[in-house]
């Protein structure tokens, strides 16, 4: 049973990564904080690329927390 659970989680991780990549690609050049979470852009955002990387990581972790089987 544990082997099936591990395989299911591997598949979920692959699907989450594909979803994240598709969303990021479709919204290239836009603030991902707004796109992914519906939050306001930071007023003092000095490094948009670093902020977007953080939002991608946050979005991926949120999806994995929601869908991985424990």
C-alpha atoms as a PDB file:
ATOM      1  CA  UNK A   1       0.000   0.000   0.000  1.00  0.00           C
ATOM      2  CA  UNK A   2       2.845   2.382   0.819  1.00  0.00           C
ATOM      3  CA  UNK A   3       4.331   1.882  -2.654  1.00  0.00           C
ATOM      4  CA  UNK A   4       1.042   2.993  -4.244  1.00  0.00           C
ATOM      5  CA  UNK A   5       0.868   5.990  -1.918  1.00  0.00           C
ATOM      6  CA  UNK A   6       4.409   7.046  -2.839  1.00  0.00           C
ATOM      7  CA  UNK A   7       3.657   6.641  -6.553  1.00  0.00           C
ATOM      8  CA  UNK A   8       0.451   8.679  -6.177  1.00  0.00           C
ATOM      9  CA  UNK A   9       2.369  11.460  -4.437  1.00  0.00           C
ATOM     10  CA  UNK A  10       5.057  11.420  -7.146  1.00  0.00           C
ATOM     11  CA  UNK A  11       2.320  11.859  -9.762  1.00  0.00           C
ATOM     12  CA  UNK A  12       0.735  14.679  -7.765  1.00  0.00           C
ATOM     13  CA  UNK A  13       4.079  16.470  -7.489  1.00  0.00           C
ATOM     14  CA  UNK A  14       4.594  16.191 -11.242  1.00  0.00           C
ATOM     15  CA  UNK A  15       1.108  17.529 -11.958  1.00  0.00           C
ATOM     16  CA  UNK A  16       1.516  20.405  -9.499  1.00  0.00           C
ATOM     17  CA  UNK A  17       4.841  21.364 -11.089  1.00  0.00           C
ATOM     18  CA  UNK A  18       3.247  21.325 -14.542  1.00  0.00           C
ATOM     19  CA  UNK A  19       0.329  23.449 -13.345  1.00  0.00           C
ATOM     20  CA  UNK A  20       2.633  25.981 -11.697  1.00  0.00           C
ATOM     21  CA  UNK A  21       4.808  26.198 -14.813  1.00  0.00           C
ATOM     22  CA  UNK A  22       1.766  26.662 -17.050  1.00  0.00           C
ATOM     23  CA  UNK A  23       0.312  29.418 -14.867  1.00  0.00           C
ATOM     24  CA  UNK A  24       3.641  31.223 -14.630  1.00  0.00           C
ATOM     25  CA  UNK A  25       4.225  30.967 -18.380  1.00  0.00           C
ATOM     26  CA  UNK A  26       0.732  32.250 -19.180  1.00  0.00           C
ATOM     27  CA  UNK A  27       1.220  35.291 -16.953  1.00  0.00           C
ATOM     28  CA  UNK A  28       4.841  36.148 -17.686  1.00  0.00           C
ATOM     29  CA  UNK A  29       5.569  39.782 -16.961  1.00  0.00           C
ATOM     30  CA  UNK A  30       2.683  40.214 -14.529  1.00  0.00           C
ATOM     31  CA  UNK A  31       2.765  40.402 -10.746  1.00  0.00           C
ATOM     32  CA  UNK A  32       2.280  36.820  -9.585  1.00  0.00           C
ATOM     33  CA  UNK A  33       1.165  37.971  -6.144  1.00  0.00           C
ATOM     34  CA  UNK A  34      -1.923  39.399  -7.834  1.00  0.00           C
ATOM     35  CA  UNK A  35      -2.374  36.544 -10.341  1.00  0.00           C
ATOM     36  CA  UNK A  36      -1.886  33.571  -8.015  1.00  0.00           C
ATOM     37  CA  UNK A  37      -3.316  34.888  -4.747  1.00  0.00           C
ATOM     38  CA  UNK A  38      -5.474  37.906  -5.589  1.00  0.00           C
ATOM     39  CA  UNK A  39      -3.412  39.998  -3.186  1.00  0.00           C
ATOM     40  CA  UNK A  40      -2.264  43.571  -3.652  1.00  0.00           C
ATOM     41  CA  UNK A  41       1.170  44.223  -5.088  1.00  0.00           C
ATOM     42  CA  UNK A  42       3.778  45.356  -2.587  1.00  0.00           C
ATOM     43  CA  UNK A  43       4.182  49.136  -2.618  1.00  0.00           C
ATOM     44  CA  UNK A  44       7.880  48.893  -1.898  1.00  0.00           C
ATOM     45  CA  UNK A  45       8.683  45.950  -4.171  1.00  0.00           C
ATOM     46  CA  UNK A  46      12.294  46.564  -5.107  1.00  0.00           C
ATOM     47  CA  UNK A  47      12.997  43.242  -6.809  1.00  0.00           C
ATOM     48  CA  UNK A  48      10.015  41.999  -8.817  1.00  0.00           C
ATOM     49  CA  UNK A  49      11.829  38.846  -9.932  1.00  0.00           C
ATOM     50  CA  UNK A  50      12.636  37.818  -6.352  1.00  0.00           C
ATOM     51  CA  UNK A  51       9.051  38.520  -5.296  1.00  0.00           C
ATOM     52  CA  UNK A  52       7.686  36.450  -8.196  1.00  0.00           C
ATOM     53  CA  UNK A  53      10.029  33.551  -7.345  1.00  0.00           C
ATOM     54  CA  UNK A  54       8.743  33.674  -3.769  1.00  0.00           C
ATOM     55  CA  UNK A  55       5.118  33.644  -4.980  1.00  0.00           C
ATOM     56  CA  UNK A  56       5.812  30.646  -7.240  1.00  0.00           C
ATOM     57  CA  UNK A  57       7.343  28.777  -4.309  1.00  0.00           C
ATOM     58  CA  UNK A  58       4.420  29.756  -2.061  1.00  0.00           C
ATOM     59  CA  UNK A  59       1.855  28.663  -4.666  1.00  0.00           C
ATOM     60  CA  UNK A  60       3.595  25.307  -5.231  1.00  0.00           C
ATOM     61  CA  UNK A  61       3.810  24.616  -1.488  1.00  0.00           C
ATOM     62  CA  UNK A  62       0.136  25.524  -1.042  1.00  0.00           C
ATOM     63  CA  UNK A  63      -0.920  23.095  -3.773  1.00  0.00           C
ATOM     64  CA  UNK A  64       1.287  20.304  -2.458  1.00  0.00           C
ATOM     65  CA  UNK A  65      -0.081  20.785   1.062  1.00  0.00           C
ATOM     66  CA  UNK A  66      -3.598  20.573  -0.314  1.00  0.00           C
ATOM     67  CA  UNK A  67      -3.206  17.559  -2.612  1.00  0.00           C
ATOM     68  CA  UNK A  68      -0.451  15.284  -1.302  1.00  0.00           C
ATOM     69  CA  UNK A  69      -1.789  12.154   0.362  1.00  0.00           C
ATOM     70  CA  UNK A  70      -0.563  11.725   3.913  1.00  0.00           C
END
